[in-house]
Amino acid sequence: MDILDWLTLLSYIALNIDIVLQIKRIYHRKSSEDLSLLGMTIRYLAILIIVFKFAAIGDIALIIGQGIAVVTFGTYFALALIYYRRRKK
């Protein structure tokens, strides 16, 4: 991997910091009331499509970076769904 690949990975990590902070916020508040589940669904599907595109291209830095996004956003989305279901009970 060259310097641009490493910078790409660092950029993905930086972009995911916000998601990690949102996960913390939802967990501590025990609520996902102010989130749009439709918007999150659309975003998660887009993240998955992009990861498949990067896999087709074969760029390891992009695959790893987008893989990080799949895991962090997937966690965020799952937590939002858990608290949404609890609210509906």
N, C-alpha and C. Protein backbone atom coordinates (compact mmCIF):
# COMPACT_ATOMS: atom_id res chain seq x y z
N MET A 1 0.85 -1.19 0.00
CA MET A 1 0.00 0.00 0.00
C MET A 1 0.89 1.24 0.00
N ASP A 2 0.48 2.22 -0.77
CA ASP A 2 1.24 3.46 -0.84
C ASP A 2 0.66 4.51 0.11
N ILE A 3 1.23 5.70 0.08
CA ILE A 3 0.83 6.77 1.01
C ILE A 3 -0.63 7.18 0.79
N LEU A 4 -1.08 7.18 -0.45
CA LEU A 4 -2.48 7.55 -0.73
C LEU A 4 -3.44 6.51 -0.14
N ASP A 5 -3.07 5.26 -0.19
CA ASP A 5 -3.90 4.22 0.43
C ASP A 5 -4.00 4.43 1.94
N TRP A 6 -2.88 4.74 2.57
CA TRP A 6 -2.90 4.97 4.03
C TRP A 6 -3.72 6.21 4.39
N LEU A 7 -3.58 7.25 3.57
CA LEU A 7 -4.38 8.46 3.80
C LEU A 7 -5.88 8.17 3.60
N THR A 8 -6.19 7.33 2.65
CA THR A 8 -7.58 6.93 2.42
C THR A 8 -8.14 6.22 3.65
N LEU A 9 -7.36 5.28 4.20
CA LEU A 9 -7.80 4.58 5.41
C LEU A 9 -7.98 5.53 6.58
N LEU A 10 -7.03 6.45 6.75
CA LEU A 10 -7.16 7.44 7.83
C LEU A 10 -8.40 8.31 7.64
N SER A 11 -8.72 8.63 6.40
CA SER A 11 -9.92 9.42 6.11
C SER A 11 -11.18 8.66 6.48
N TYR A 12 -11.22 7.38 6.16
CA TYR A 12 -12.37 6.57 6.54
C TYR A 12 -12.52 6.50 8.06
N ILE A 13 -11.41 6.34 8.75
CA ILE A 13 -11.47 6.31 10.21
C ILE A 13 -12.01 7.63 10.74
N ALA A 14 -11.53 8.74 10.20
CA ALA A 14 -12.01 10.05 10.63
C ALA A 14 -13.50 10.21 10.35
N LEU A 15 -13.97 9.76 9.20
CA LEU A 15 -15.39 9.87 8.87
C LEU A 15 -16.26 9.03 9.80
N ASN A 16 -15.70 7.95 10.32
CA ASN A 16 -16.47 7.07 11.19
C ASN A 16 -16.48 7.51 12.64
N ILE A 17 -15.68 8.48 13.00
CA ILE A 17 -15.69 8.99 14.37
C ILE A 17 -17.06 9.54 14.72
N ASP A 18 -17.68 10.26 13.80
CA ASP A 18 -19.02 10.79 14.03
C ASP A 18 -20.02 9.68 14.32
N ILE A 19 -19.94 8.60 13.57
CA ILE A 19 -20.86 7.49 13.78
C ILE A 19 -20.65 6.87 15.16
N VAL A 20 -19.39 6.71 15.55
CA VAL A 20 -19.10 6.16 16.88
C VAL A 20 -19.66 7.07 17.97
N LEU A 21 -19.54 8.37 17.79
CA LEU A 21 -20.09 9.32 18.76
C LEU A 21 -21.62 9.22 18.82
N GLN A 22 -22.25 9.00 17.67
CA GLN A 22 -23.70 8.83 17.64
C GLN A 22 -24.13 7.53 18.34
N ILE A 23 -23.33 6.48 18.16
CA ILE A 23 -23.62 5.22 18.85
C ILE A 23 -23.59 5.45 20.35
N LYS A 24 -22.56 6.15 20.81
CA LYS A 24 -22.45 6.46 22.25
C LYS A 24 -23.65 7.25 22.72
N ARG A 25 -24.07 8.22 21.93
CA ARG A 25 -25.20 9.09 22.30
C ARG A 25 -26.49 8.28 22.43
N ILE A 26 -26.76 7.44 21.44
CA ILE A 26 -27.98 6.62 21.48
C ILE A 26 -27.95 5.69 22.69
N TYR A 27 -26.80 5.06 22.91
CA TYR A 27 -26.68 4.11 24.01
C TYR A 27 -26.91 4.78 25.36
N HIS A 28 -26.31 5.95 25.55
CA HIS A 28 -26.46 6.65 26.84
C HIS A 28 -27.86 7.22 27.04
N ARG A 29 -28.47 7.70 25.96
CA ARG A 29 -29.82 8.25 26.05
C ARG A 29 -30.89 7.16 26.04
N LYS A 30 -30.51 5.98 25.58
CA LYS A 30 -31.46 4.86 25.45
C LYS A 30 -32.64 5.25 24.56
N SER A 31 -32.33 6.01 23.51
CA SER A 31 -33.38 6.49 22.62
C SER A 31 -32.82 6.76 21.23
N SER A 32 -33.64 6.45 20.23
CA SER A 32 -33.30 6.80 18.84
C SER A 32 -34.43 7.65 18.25
N GLU A 33 -35.14 8.32 19.13
CA GLU A 33 -36.34 9.06 18.76
C GLU A 33 -36.12 10.10 17.66
N ASP A 34 -34.98 10.77 17.66
CA ASP A 34 -34.75 11.85 16.71
C ASP A 34 -34.07 11.39 15.42
N LEU A 35 -34.05 10.09 15.16
CA LEU A 35 -33.40 9.57 13.97
C LEU A 35 -34.44 9.12 12.94
N SER A 36 -34.08 9.25 11.67
CA SER A 36 -34.94 8.78 10.59
C SER A 36 -34.49 7.38 10.19
N LEU A 37 -35.30 6.38 10.52
CA LEU A 37 -34.95 5.01 10.17
C LEU A 37 -34.97 4.81 8.65
N LEU A 38 -35.85 5.49 7.95
CA LEU A 38 -35.86 5.40 6.49
C LEU A 38 -34.55 5.94 5.92
N GLY A 39 -34.14 7.09 6.41
CA GLY A 39 -32.87 7.67 5.96
C GLY A 39 -31.69 6.77 6.27
N MET A 40 -31.71 6.16 7.46
CA MET A 40 -30.63 5.26 7.84
C MET A 40 -30.62 4.01 6.95
N THR A 41 -31.80 3.51 6.60
CA THR A 41 -31.89 2.35 5.72
C THR A 41 -31.30 2.66 4.35
N ILE A 42 -31.66 3.80 3.80
CA ILE A 42 -31.14 4.21 2.49
C ILE A 42 -29.62 4.36 2.55
N ARG A 43 -29.13 4.99 3.61
CA ARG A 43 -27.68 5.19 3.74
C ARG A 43 -26.96 3.85 3.88
N TYR A 44 -27.52 2.91 4.64
CA TYR A 44 -26.86 1.62 4.83
C TYR A 44 -26.83 0.83 3.51
N LEU A 45 -27.91 0.87 2.76
CA LEU A 45 -27.92 0.20 1.45
C LEU A 45 -26.88 0.82 0.52
N ALA A 46 -26.75 2.12 0.55
CA ALA A 46 -25.74 2.80 -0.28
C ALA A 46 -24.32 2.38 0.14
N ILE A 47 -24.08 2.28 1.44
CA ILE A 47 -22.77 1.85 1.94
C ILE A 47 -22.46 0.44 1.43
N LEU A 48 -23.45 -0.45 1.46
CA LEU A 48 -23.24 -1.83 0.99
C LEU A 48 -22.96 -1.88 -0.51
N ILE A 49 -23.70 -1.10 -1.28
CA ILE A 49 -23.48 -1.06 -2.73
C ILE A 49 -22.06 -0.58 -3.03
N ILE A 50 -21.62 0.43 -2.33
CA ILE A 50 -20.27 0.97 -2.54
C ILE A 50 -19.21 -0.06 -2.19
N VAL A 51 -19.43 -0.82 -1.12
CA VAL A 51 -18.44 -1.83 -0.74
C VAL A 51 -18.33 -2.90 -1.84
N PHE A 52 -19.46 -3.29 -2.43
CA PHE A 52 -19.42 -4.25 -3.53
C PHE A 52 -18.69 -3.68 -4.75
N LYS A 53 -18.90 -2.41 -5.03
CA LYS A 53 -18.20 -1.75 -6.14
C LYS A 53 -16.70 -1.75 -5.89
N PHE A 54 -16.29 -1.40 -4.68
CA PHE A 54 -14.86 -1.38 -4.36
C PHE A 54 -14.26 -2.78 -4.43
N ALA A 55 -15.03 -3.79 -4.05
CA ALA A 55 -14.56 -5.17 -4.15
C ALA A 55 -14.36 -5.55 -5.62
N ALA A 56 -15.26 -5.09 -6.48
CA ALA A 56 -15.14 -5.37 -7.91
C ALA A 56 -13.90 -4.70 -8.49
N ILE A 57 -13.61 -3.50 -8.00
CA ILE A 57 -12.42 -2.78 -8.46
C ILE A 57 -11.15 -3.46 -7.92
N GLY A 58 -11.25 -3.97 -6.68
CA GLY A 58 -10.12 -4.65 -6.07
C GLY A 58 -9.14 -3.75 -5.34
N ASP A 59 -9.58 -2.55 -4.98
CA ASP A 59 -8.72 -1.61 -4.24
C ASP A 59 -8.82 -1.91 -2.75
N ILE A 60 -7.77 -2.47 -2.18
CA ILE A 60 -7.81 -2.94 -0.80
C ILE A 60 -8.05 -1.82 0.20
N ALA A 61 -7.47 -0.65 -0.01
CA ALA A 61 -7.68 0.46 0.93
C ALA A 61 -9.15 0.89 0.95
N LEU A 62 -9.77 0.95 -0.22
CA LEU A 62 -11.18 1.33 -0.28
C LEU A 62 -12.07 0.24 0.30
N ILE A 63 -11.72 -1.01 0.07
CA ILE A 63 -12.50 -2.12 0.62
C ILE A 63 -12.44 -2.10 2.14
N ILE A 64 -11.25 -1.94 2.70
CA ILE A 64 -11.10 -1.90 4.16
C ILE A 64 -11.82 -0.69 4.74
N GLY A 65 -11.62 0.46 4.12
CA GLY A 65 -12.26 1.68 4.61
C GLY A 65 -13.77 1.58 4.59
N GLN A 66 -14.31 1.09 3.49
CA GLN A 66 -15.76 0.95 3.40
C GLN A 66 -16.25 -0.16 4.33
N GLY A 67 -15.41 -1.17 4.54
CA GLY A 67 -15.75 -2.22 5.50
C GLY A 67 -15.90 -1.67 6.90
N ILE A 68 -15.03 -0.72 7.25
CA ILE A 68 -15.15 -0.04 8.55
C ILE A 68 -16.49 0.67 8.63
N ALA A 69 -16.88 1.32 7.54
CA ALA A 69 -18.17 2.02 7.51
C ALA A 69 -19.34 1.04 7.66
N VAL A 70 -19.23 -0.13 7.04
CA VAL A 70 -20.29 -1.14 7.15
C VAL A 70 -20.47 -1.54 8.62
N VAL A 71 -19.35 -1.78 9.30
CA VAL A 71 -19.42 -2.22 10.71
C VAL A 71 -19.93 -1.10 11.61
N THR A 72 -19.36 0.09 11.50
CA THR A 72 -19.77 1.16 12.42
C THR A 72 -21.19 1.62 12.14
N PHE A 73 -21.54 1.82 10.87
CA PHE A 73 -22.90 2.26 10.58
C PHE A 73 -23.89 1.14 10.85
N GLY A 74 -23.49 -0.10 10.61
CA GLY A 74 -24.36 -1.23 10.93
C GLY A 74 -24.68 -1.29 12.41
N THR A 75 -23.68 -1.03 13.25
CA THR A 75 -23.89 -0.99 14.69
C THR A 75 -24.84 0.14 15.06
N TYR A 76 -24.60 1.30 14.49
CA TYR A 76 -25.44 2.48 14.71
C TYR A 76 -26.89 2.19 14.32
N PHE A 77 -27.08 1.60 13.16
CA PHE A 77 -28.40 1.28 12.65
C PHE A 77 -29.09 0.25 13.54
N ALA A 78 -28.37 -0.79 13.93
CA ALA A 78 -28.94 -1.84 14.79
C ALA A 78 -29.38 -1.26 16.13
N LEU A 79 -28.56 -0.42 16.71
CA LEU A 79 -28.91 0.20 17.99
C LEU A 79 -30.14 1.10 17.84
N ALA A 80 -30.21 1.83 16.74
CA ALA A 80 -31.38 2.68 16.49
C ALA A 80 -32.64 1.83 16.38
N LEU A 81 -32.54 0.70 15.70
CA LEU A 81 -33.70 -0.20 15.56
C LEU A 81 -34.13 -0.79 16.90
N ILE A 82 -33.16 -1.17 17.71
CA ILE A 82 -33.47 -1.73 19.04
C ILE A 82 -34.26 -0.73 19.86
N TYR A 83 -33.81 0.51 19.92
CA TYR A 83 -34.50 1.52 20.73
C TYR A 83 -35.82 1.96 20.09
N TYR A 84 -35.90 1.89 18.76
CA TYR A 84 -37.16 2.20 18.09
C TYR A 84 -38.23 1.17 18.48
N ARG A 85 -37.85 -0.10 18.46
CA ARG A 85 -38.78 -1.17 18.83
C ARG A 85 -39.20 -1.07 20.30
N ARG A 86 -38.28 -0.71 21.15
CA ARG A 86 -38.62 -0.56 22.58
C ARG A 86 -39.61 0.57 22.77
N ARG A 87 -39.45 1.63 21.98
CA ARG A 87 -40.34 2.78 22.08
C ARG A 87 -41.75 2.43 21.61
N LYS A 88 -41.85 1.54 20.65
CA LYS A 88 -43.16 1.16 20.09
C LYS A 88 -43.95 0.23 21.01
N LYS A 89 -43.30 -0.38 22.00
CA LYS A 89 -44.00 -1.30 22.91
C LYS A 89 -44.88 -0.57 23.89
